[in-house]
Amino acid sequence: MVRTYREVANENLLRTAEDAMSRVIDHWGDLPPSMNDAVEQFRTQLEAAIDSVEFVKRALDREVPENDCRDGPP
């Protein structure tokens, strides 16, 4: 599957936000719907902020080479 740097960046940032919230409320297990809604709103705002800077948008729209597809930072 072809992925862009944008997708990788968004996935990593969202995973970080979700992990942080889950640690705070780990006794609940899954995040409650209101927090899932907040994560979705954060994702939308993050994408809008990224797209507002044209050179960043162009860089993130490039495809990630197959050998560079990782689940997270090294």
PDB file of N, CA and C in Angstrom:
ATOM      1  N   MET A   1       0.837  -1.175   0.000  1.00  0.00           N
ATOM      2  CA  MET A   1       0.000   0.000   0.000  1.00  0.00           C
ATOM      3  C   MET A   1       0.890   1.248   0.000  1.00  0.00           C
ATOM      4  N   VAL A   2       0.606   2.172  -0.876  1.00  0.00           N
ATOM      5  CA  VAL A   2       1.363   3.419  -0.963  1.00  0.00           C
ATOM      6  C   VAL A   2       0.836   4.380   0.101  1.00  0.00           C
ATOM      7  N   ARG A   3       1.767   4.934   0.882  1.00  0.00           N
ATOM      8  CA  ARG A   3       1.404   5.892   1.924  1.00  0.00           C
ATOM      9  C   ARG A   3       2.206   7.166   1.729  1.00  0.00           C
ATOM     10  N   THR A   4       1.665   8.264   2.226  1.00  0.00           N
ATOM     11  CA  THR A   4       2.377   9.536   2.160  1.00  0.00           C
ATOM     12  C   THR A   4       2.955   9.859   3.536  1.00  0.00           C
ATOM     13  N   TYR A   5       3.909  10.778   3.524  1.00  0.00           N
ATOM     14  CA  TYR A   5       4.475  11.227   4.796  1.00  0.00           C
ATOM     15  C   TYR A   5       3.384  11.855   5.665  1.00  0.00           C
ATOM     16  N   ARG A   6       2.379  12.476   5.044  1.00  0.00           N
ATOM     17  CA  ARG A   6       1.257  13.063   5.777  1.00  0.00           C
ATOM     18  C   ARG A   6       0.543  11.983   6.598  1.00  0.00           C
ATOM     19  N   GLU A   7       0.262  10.852   5.967  1.00  0.00           N
ATOM     20  CA  GLU A   7      -0.428   9.773   6.666  1.00  0.00           C
ATOM     21  C   GLU A   7       0.404   9.248   7.833  1.00  0.00           C
ATOM     22  N   VAL A   8       1.692   9.082   7.605  1.00  0.00           N
ATOM     23  CA  VAL A   8       2.583   8.593   8.658  1.00  0.00           C
ATOM     24  C   VAL A   8       2.632   9.595   9.814  1.00  0.00           C
ATOM     25  N   ALA A   9       2.779  10.881   9.494  1.00  0.00           N
ATOM     26  CA  ALA A   9       2.841  11.913  10.536  1.00  0.00           C
ATOM     27  C   ALA A   9       1.541  11.968  11.324  1.00  0.00           C
ATOM     28  N   ASN A  10       0.409  11.957  10.620  1.00  0.00           N
ATOM     29  CA  ASN A  10      -0.881  12.006  11.305  1.00  0.00           C
ATOM     30  C   ASN A  10      -1.079  10.797  12.208  1.00  0.00           C
ATOM     31  N   GLU A  11      -0.759   9.618  11.706  1.00  0.00           N
ATOM     32  CA  GLU A  11      -0.917   8.402  12.506  1.00  0.00           C
ATOM     33  C   GLU A  11      -0.066   8.467  13.772  1.00  0.00           C
ATOM     34  N   ASN A  12       1.177   8.916  13.630  1.00  0.00           N
ATOM     35  CA  ASN A  12       2.069   8.987  14.793  1.00  0.00           C
ATOM     36  C   ASN A  12       1.600  10.026  15.802  1.00  0.00           C
ATOM     37  N   LEU A  13       1.159  11.201  15.322  1.00  0.00           N
ATOM     38  CA  LEU A  13       0.682  12.237  16.237  1.00  0.00           C
ATOM     39  C   LEU A  13      -0.594  11.799  16.942  1.00  0.00           C
ATOM     40  N   LEU A  14      -1.507  11.191  16.203  1.00  0.00           N
ATOM     41  CA  LEU A  14      -2.746  10.725  16.820  1.00  0.00           C
ATOM     42  C   LEU A  14      -2.482   9.602  17.817  1.00  0.00           C
ATOM     43  N   ARG A  15      -1.580   8.701  17.468  1.00  0.00           N
ATOM     44  CA  ARG A  15      -1.245   7.611  18.379  1.00  0.00           C
ATOM     45  C   ARG A  15      -0.676   8.180  19.679  1.00  0.00           C
ATOM     46  N   THR A  16       0.165   9.205  19.570  1.00  0.00           N
ATOM     47  CA  THR A  16       0.739   9.836  20.760  1.00  0.00           C
ATOM     48  C   THR A  16      -0.352  10.460  21.624  1.00  0.00           C
ATOM     49  N   ALA A  17      -1.279  11.194  20.993  1.00  0.00           N
ATOM     50  CA  ALA A  17      -2.369  11.826  21.746  1.00  0.00           C
ATOM     51  C   ALA A  17      -3.268  10.775  22.393  1.00  0.00           C
ATOM     52  N   GLU A  18      -3.609   9.739  21.647  1.00  0.00           N
ATOM     53  CA  GLU A  18      -4.459   8.682  22.194  1.00  0.00           C
ATOM     54  C   GLU A  18      -3.762   7.945  23.335  1.00  0.00           C
ATOM     55  N   ASP A  19      -2.477   7.664  23.174  1.00  0.00           N
ATOM     56  CA  ASP A  19      -1.724   6.986  24.235  1.00  0.00           C
ATOM     57  C   ASP A  19      -1.686   7.827  25.506  1.00  0.00           C
ATOM     58  N   ALA A  20      -1.466   9.124  25.344  1.00  0.00           N
ATOM     59  CA  ALA A  20      -1.411  10.008  26.511  1.00  0.00           C
ATOM     60  C   ALA A  20      -2.755  10.027  27.231  1.00  0.00           C
ATOM     61  N   MET A  21      -3.839  10.143  26.474  1.00  0.00           N
ATOM     62  CA  MET A  21      -5.159  10.155  27.104  1.00  0.00           C
ATOM     63  C   MET A  21      -5.470   8.807  27.747  1.00  0.00           C
ATOM     64  N   SER A  22      -5.086   7.734  27.092  1.00  0.00           N
ATOM     65  CA  SER A  22      -5.349   6.403  27.647  1.00  0.00           C
ATOM     66  C   SER A  22      -4.606   6.186  28.951  1.00  0.00           C
ATOM     67  N   ARG A  23      -3.382   6.701  29.041  1.00  0.00           N
ATOM     68  CA  ARG A  23      -2.617   6.552  30.286  1.00  0.00           C
ATOM     69  C   ARG A  23      -3.289   7.295  31.430  1.00  0.00           C
ATOM     70  N   VAL A  24      -3.844   8.458  31.110  1.00  0.00           N
ATOM     71  CA  VAL A  24      -4.502   9.249  32.149  1.00  0.00           C
ATOM     72  C   VAL A  24      -5.758   8.538  32.648  1.00  0.00           C
ATOM     73  N   ILE A  25      -6.441   7.871  31.749  1.00  0.00           N
ATOM     74  CA  ILE A  25      -7.707   7.234  32.128  1.00  0.00           C
ATOM     75  C   ILE A  25      -7.654   5.726  31.930  1.00  0.00           C
ATOM     76  N   ASP A  26      -6.501   5.119  32.134  1.00  0.00           N
ATOM     77  CA  ASP A  26      -6.343   3.701  31.794  1.00  0.00           C
ATOM     78  C   ASP A  26      -7.301   2.789  32.549  1.00  0.00           C
ATOM     79  N   HIS A  27      -7.856   3.237  33.639  1.00  0.00           N
ATOM     80  CA  HIS A  27      -8.834   2.408  34.350  1.00  0.00           C
ATOM     81  C   HIS A  27     -10.146   2.300  33.576  1.00  0.00           C
ATOM     82  N   TRP A  28     -10.353   3.156  32.555  1.00  0.00           N
ATOM     83  CA  TRP A  28     -11.551   3.081  31.719  1.00  0.00           C
ATOM     84  C   TRP A  28     -11.357   2.135  30.546  1.00  0.00           C
ATOM     85  N   GLY A  29     -10.133   1.765  30.243  1.00  0.00           N
ATOM     86  CA  GLY A  29      -9.875   0.945  29.053  1.00  0.00           C
ATOM     87  C   GLY A  29      -9.894   1.813  27.814  1.00  0.00           C
ATOM     88  N   ASP A  30     -10.917   1.669  26.980  1.00  0.00           N
ATOM     89  CA  ASP A  30     -11.034   2.483  25.769  1.00  0.00           C
ATOM     90  C   ASP A  30     -11.391   3.915  26.141  1.00  0.00           C
ATOM     91  N   LEU A  31     -11.040   4.829  25.246  1.00  0.00           N
ATOM     92  CA  LEU A  31     -11.398   6.222  25.479  1.00  0.00           C
ATOM     93  C   LEU A  31     -12.909   6.386  25.373  1.00  0.00           C
ATOM     94  N   PRO A  32     -13.487   7.241  26.209  1.00  0.00           N
ATOM     95  CA  PRO A  32     -14.924   7.495  26.093  1.00  0.00           C
ATOM     96  C   PRO A  32     -15.217   8.238  24.784  1.00  0.00           C
ATOM     97  N   PRO A  33     -16.461   8.155  24.295  1.00  0.00           N
ATOM     98  CA  PRO A  33     -16.808   8.788  23.014  1.00  0.00           C
ATOM     99  C   PRO A  33     -16.432  10.266  22.933  1.00  0.00           C
ATOM    100  N   SER A  34     -16.598  11.011  24.021  1.00  0.00           N
ATOM    101  CA  SER A  34     -16.276  12.441  23.968  1.00  0.00           C
ATOM    102  C   SER A  34     -14.791  12.665  23.696  1.00  0.00           C
ATOM    103  N   MET A  35     -13.929  11.796  24.230  1.00  0.00           N
ATOM    104  CA  MET A  35     -12.492  11.936  23.970  1.00  0.00           C
ATOM    105  C   MET A  35     -12.158  11.485  22.556  1.00  0.00           C
ATOM    106  N   ASN A  36     -12.838  10.456  22.057  1.00  0.00           N
ATOM    107  CA  ASN A  36     -12.631  10.065  20.663  1.00  0.00           C
ATOM    108  C   ASN A  36     -13.025  11.206  19.734  1.00  0.00           C
ATOM    109  N   ASP A  37     -14.110  11.913  20.075  1.00  0.00           N
ATOM    110  CA  ASP A  37     -14.519  13.074  19.283  1.00  0.00           C
ATOM    111  C   ASP A  37     -13.451  14.162  19.333  1.00  0.00           C
ATOM    112  N   ALA A  38     -12.852  14.365  20.506  1.00  0.00           N
ATOM    113  CA  ALA A  38     -11.796  15.372  20.644  1.00  0.00           C
ATOM    114  C   ALA A  38     -10.576  14.996  19.813  1.00  0.00           C
ATOM    115  N   VAL A  39     -10.230  13.709  19.761  1.00  0.00           N
ATOM    116  CA  VAL A  39      -9.099  13.255  18.947  1.00  0.00           C
ATOM    117  C   VAL A  39      -9.395  13.520  17.474  1.00  0.00           C
ATOM    118  N   GLU A  40     -10.615  13.249  17.042  1.00  0.00           N
ATOM    119  CA  GLU A  40     -10.993  13.488  15.647  1.00  0.00           C
ATOM    120  C   GLU A  40     -10.933  14.985  15.322  1.00  0.00           C
ATOM    121  N   GLN A  41     -11.386  15.821  16.240  1.00  0.00           N
ATOM    122  CA  GLN A  41     -11.311  17.265  16.036  1.00  0.00           C
ATOM    123  C   GLN A  41      -9.848  17.713  15.957  1.00  0.00           C
ATOM    124  N   PHE A  42      -8.994  17.166  16.807  1.00  0.00           N
ATOM    125  CA  PHE A  42      -7.562  17.472  16.776  1.00  0.00           C
ATOM    126  C   PHE A  42      -6.966  17.093  15.424  1.00  0.00           C
ATOM    127  N   ARG A  43      -7.329  15.908  14.913  1.00  0.00           N
ATOM    128  CA  ARG A  43      -6.824  15.451  13.617  1.00  0.00           C
ATOM    129  C   ARG A  43      -7.210  16.437  12.514  1.00  0.00           C
ATOM    130  N   THR A  44      -8.459  16.870  12.517  1.00  0.00           N
ATOM    131  CA  THR A  44      -8.942  17.803  11.502  1.00  0.00           C
ATOM    132  C   THR A  44      -8.194  19.135  11.586  1.00  0.00           C
ATOM    133  N   GLN A  45      -8.023  19.644  12.792  1.00  0.00           N
ATOM    134  CA  GLN A  45      -7.313  20.909  12.973  1.00  0.00           C
ATOM    135  C   GLN A  45      -5.841  20.778  12.607  1.00  0.00           C
ATOM    136  N   LEU A  46      -5.234  19.648  12.931  1.00  0.00           N
ATOM    137  CA  LEU A  46      -3.835  19.407  12.583  1.00  0.00           C
ATOM    138  C   LEU A  46      -3.649  19.405  11.069  1.00  0.00           C
ATOM    139  N   GLU A  47      -4.527  18.706  10.366  1.00  0.00           N
ATOM    140  CA  GLU A  47      -4.431  18.668   8.907  1.00  0.00           C
ATOM    141  C   GLU A  47      -4.600  20.060   8.309  1.00  0.00           C
ATOM    142  N   ALA A  48      -5.528  20.851   8.832  1.00  0.00           N
ATOM    143  CA  ALA A  48      -5.735  22.210   8.334  1.00  0.00           C
ATOM    144  C   ALA A  48      -4.499  23.070   8.583  1.00  0.00           C
ATOM    145  N   ALA A  49      -3.881  22.923   9.750  1.00  0.00           N
ATOM    146  CA  ALA A  49      -2.675  23.695  10.060  1.00  0.00           C
ATOM    147  C   ALA A  49      -1.529  23.302   9.133  1.00  0.00           C
ATOM    148  N   ILE A  50      -1.379  22.003   8.888  1.00  0.00           N
ATOM    149  CA  ILE A  50      -0.321  21.530   7.992  1.00  0.00           C
ATOM    150  C   ILE A  50      -0.545  22.061   6.585  1.00  0.00           C
ATOM    151  N   ASP A  51      -1.781  21.979   6.111  1.00  0.00           N
ATOM    152  CA  ASP A  51      -2.081  22.411   4.750  1.00  0.00           C
ATOM    153  C   ASP A  51      -1.957  23.918   4.569  1.00  0.00           C
ATOM    154  N   SER A  52      -1.978  24.682   5.662  1.00  0.00           N
ATOM    155  CA  SER A  52      -1.872  26.132   5.541  1.00  0.00           C
ATOM    156  C   SER A  52      -0.447  26.573   5.206  1.00  0.00           C
ATOM    157  N   VAL A  53       0.518  25.689   5.359  1.00  0.00           N
ATOM    158  CA  VAL A  53       1.907  25.992   5.016  1.00  0.00           C
ATOM    159  C   VAL A  53       2.237  25.180   3.762  1.00  0.00           C
ATOM    160  N   GLU A  54       2.252  25.848   2.620  1.00  0.00           N
ATOM    161  CA  GLU A  54       2.317  25.168   1.327  1.00  0.00           C
ATOM    162  C   GLU A  54       3.526  24.241   1.179  1.00  0.00           C
ATOM    163  N   PHE A  55       4.720  24.679   1.577  1.00  0.00           N
ATOM    164  CA  PHE A  55       5.885  23.815   1.368  1.00  0.00           C
ATOM    165  C   PHE A  55       5.822  22.578   2.259  1.00  0.00           C
ATOM    166  N   VAL A  56       5.216  22.709   3.434  1.00  0.00           N
ATOM    167  CA  VAL A  56       5.036  21.543   4.301  1.00  0.00           C
ATOM    168  C   VAL A  56       4.016  20.600   3.676  1.00  0.00           C
ATOM    169  N   LYS A  57       2.947  21.164   3.141  1.00  0.00           N
ATOM    170  CA  LYS A  57       1.917  20.355   2.483  1.00  0.00           C
ATOM    171  C   LYS A  57       2.529  19.556   1.338  1.00  0.00           C
ATOM    172  N   ARG A  58       3.338  20.210   0.501  1.00  0.00           N
ATOM    173  CA  ARG A  58       3.967  19.506  -0.633  1.00  0.00           C
ATOM    174  C   ARG A  58       4.903  18.403  -0.143  1.00  0.00           C
ATOM    175  N   ALA A  59       5.663  18.683   0.900  1.00  0.00           N
ATOM    176  CA  ALA A  59       6.601  17.680   1.415  1.00  0.00           C
ATOM    177  C   ALA A  59       5.859  16.470   1.976  1.00  0.00           C
ATOM    178  N   LEU A  60       4.788  16.720   2.701  1.00  0.00           N
ATOM    179  CA  LEU A  60       4.060  15.612   3.320  1.00  0.00           C
ATOM    180  C   LEU A  60       3.220  14.824   2.326  1.00  0.00           C
ATOM    181  N   ASP A  61       2.910  15.412   1.185  1.00  0.00           N
ATOM    182  CA  ASP A  61       2.127  14.704   0.172  1.00  0.00           C
ATOM    183  C   ASP A  61       2.965  13.713  -0.625  1.00  0.00           C
ATOM    184  N   ARG A  62       4.296  13.736  -0.442  1.00  0.00           N
ATOM    185  CA  ARG A  62       5.149  12.768  -1.146  1.00  0.00           C
ATOM    186  C   ARG A  62       4.909  11.369  -0.605  1.00  0.00           C
ATOM    187  N   GLU A  63       5.099  10.383  -1.474  1.00  0.00           N
ATOM    188  CA  GLU A  63       4.943   8.992  -1.062  1.00  0.00           C
ATOM    189  C   GLU A  63       6.141   8.551  -0.231  1.00  0.00           C
ATOM    190  N   VAL A  64       5.873   7.729   0.755  1.00  0.00           N
ATOM    191  CA  VAL A  64       6.920   7.165   1.599  1.00  0.00           C
ATOM    192  C   VAL A  64       7.487   5.948   0.877  1.00  0.00           C
ATOM    193  N   PRO A  65       8.804   5.878   0.686  1.00  0.00           N
ATOM    194  CA  PRO A  65       9.387   4.688   0.060  1.00  0.00           C
ATOM    195  C   PRO A  65       9.076   3.447   0.899  1.00  0.00           C
ATOM    196  N   GLU A  66       8.889   2.330   0.227  1.00  0.00           N
ATOM    197  CA  GLU A  66       8.547   1.079   0.915  1.00  0.00           C
ATOM    198  C   GLU A  66       9.502   0.765   2.060  1.00  0.00           C
ATOM    199  N   ASN A  67      10.799   0.967   1.853  1.00  0.00           N
ATOM    200  CA  ASN A  67      11.772   0.627   2.893  1.00  0.00           C
ATOM    201  C   ASN A  67      11.768   1.621   4.047  1.00  0.00           C
ATOM    202  N   ASP A  68      10.985   2.710   3.939  1.00  0.00           N
ATOM    203  CA  ASP A  68      10.921   3.715   4.991  1.00  0.00           C
ATOM    204  C   ASP A  68       9.592   3.669   5.738  1.00  0.00           C
ATOM    205  N   CYS A  69       8.736   2.699   5.426  1.00  0.00           N
ATOM    206  CA  CYS A  69       7.449   2.566   6.114  1.00  0.00           C
ATOM    207  C   CYS A  69       7.678   1.875   7.447  1.00  0.00           C
ATOM    208  N   ARG A  70       7.518   2.642   8.510  1.00  0.00           N
ATOM    209  CA  ARG A  70       7.674   2.090   9.849  1.00  0.00           C
ATOM    210  C   ARG A  70       6.422   2.438  10.642  1.00  0.00           C
ATOM    211  N   ASP A  71       6.211   1.693  11.699  1.00  0.00           N
ATOM    212  CA  ASP A  71       5.067   1.967  12.555  1.00  0.00           C
ATOM    213  C   ASP A  71       5.310   3.140  13.492  1.00  0.00           C
ATOM    214  N   GLY A  72       6.544   3.493  13.711  1.00  0.00           N
ATOM    215  CA  GLY A  72       6.828   4.579  14.631  1.00  0.00           C
ATOM    216  C   GLY A  72       8.271   4.986  14.564  1.00  0.00           C
ATOM    217  N   PRO A  73       8.654   5.892  15.445  1.00  0.00           N
ATOM    218  CA  PRO A  73      10.037   6.352  15.450  1.00  0.00           C
ATOM    219  C   PRO A  73      10.992   5.226  15.824  1.00  0.00           C
ATOM    220  N   PRO A  74      12.250   5.347  15.390  1.00  0.00           N
ATOM    221  CA  PRO A  74      13.238   4.289  15.673  1.00  0.00           C
ATOM    222  C   PRO A  74      13.506   4.129  17.147  1.00  0.00           C
TER     223      PRO A  74
END
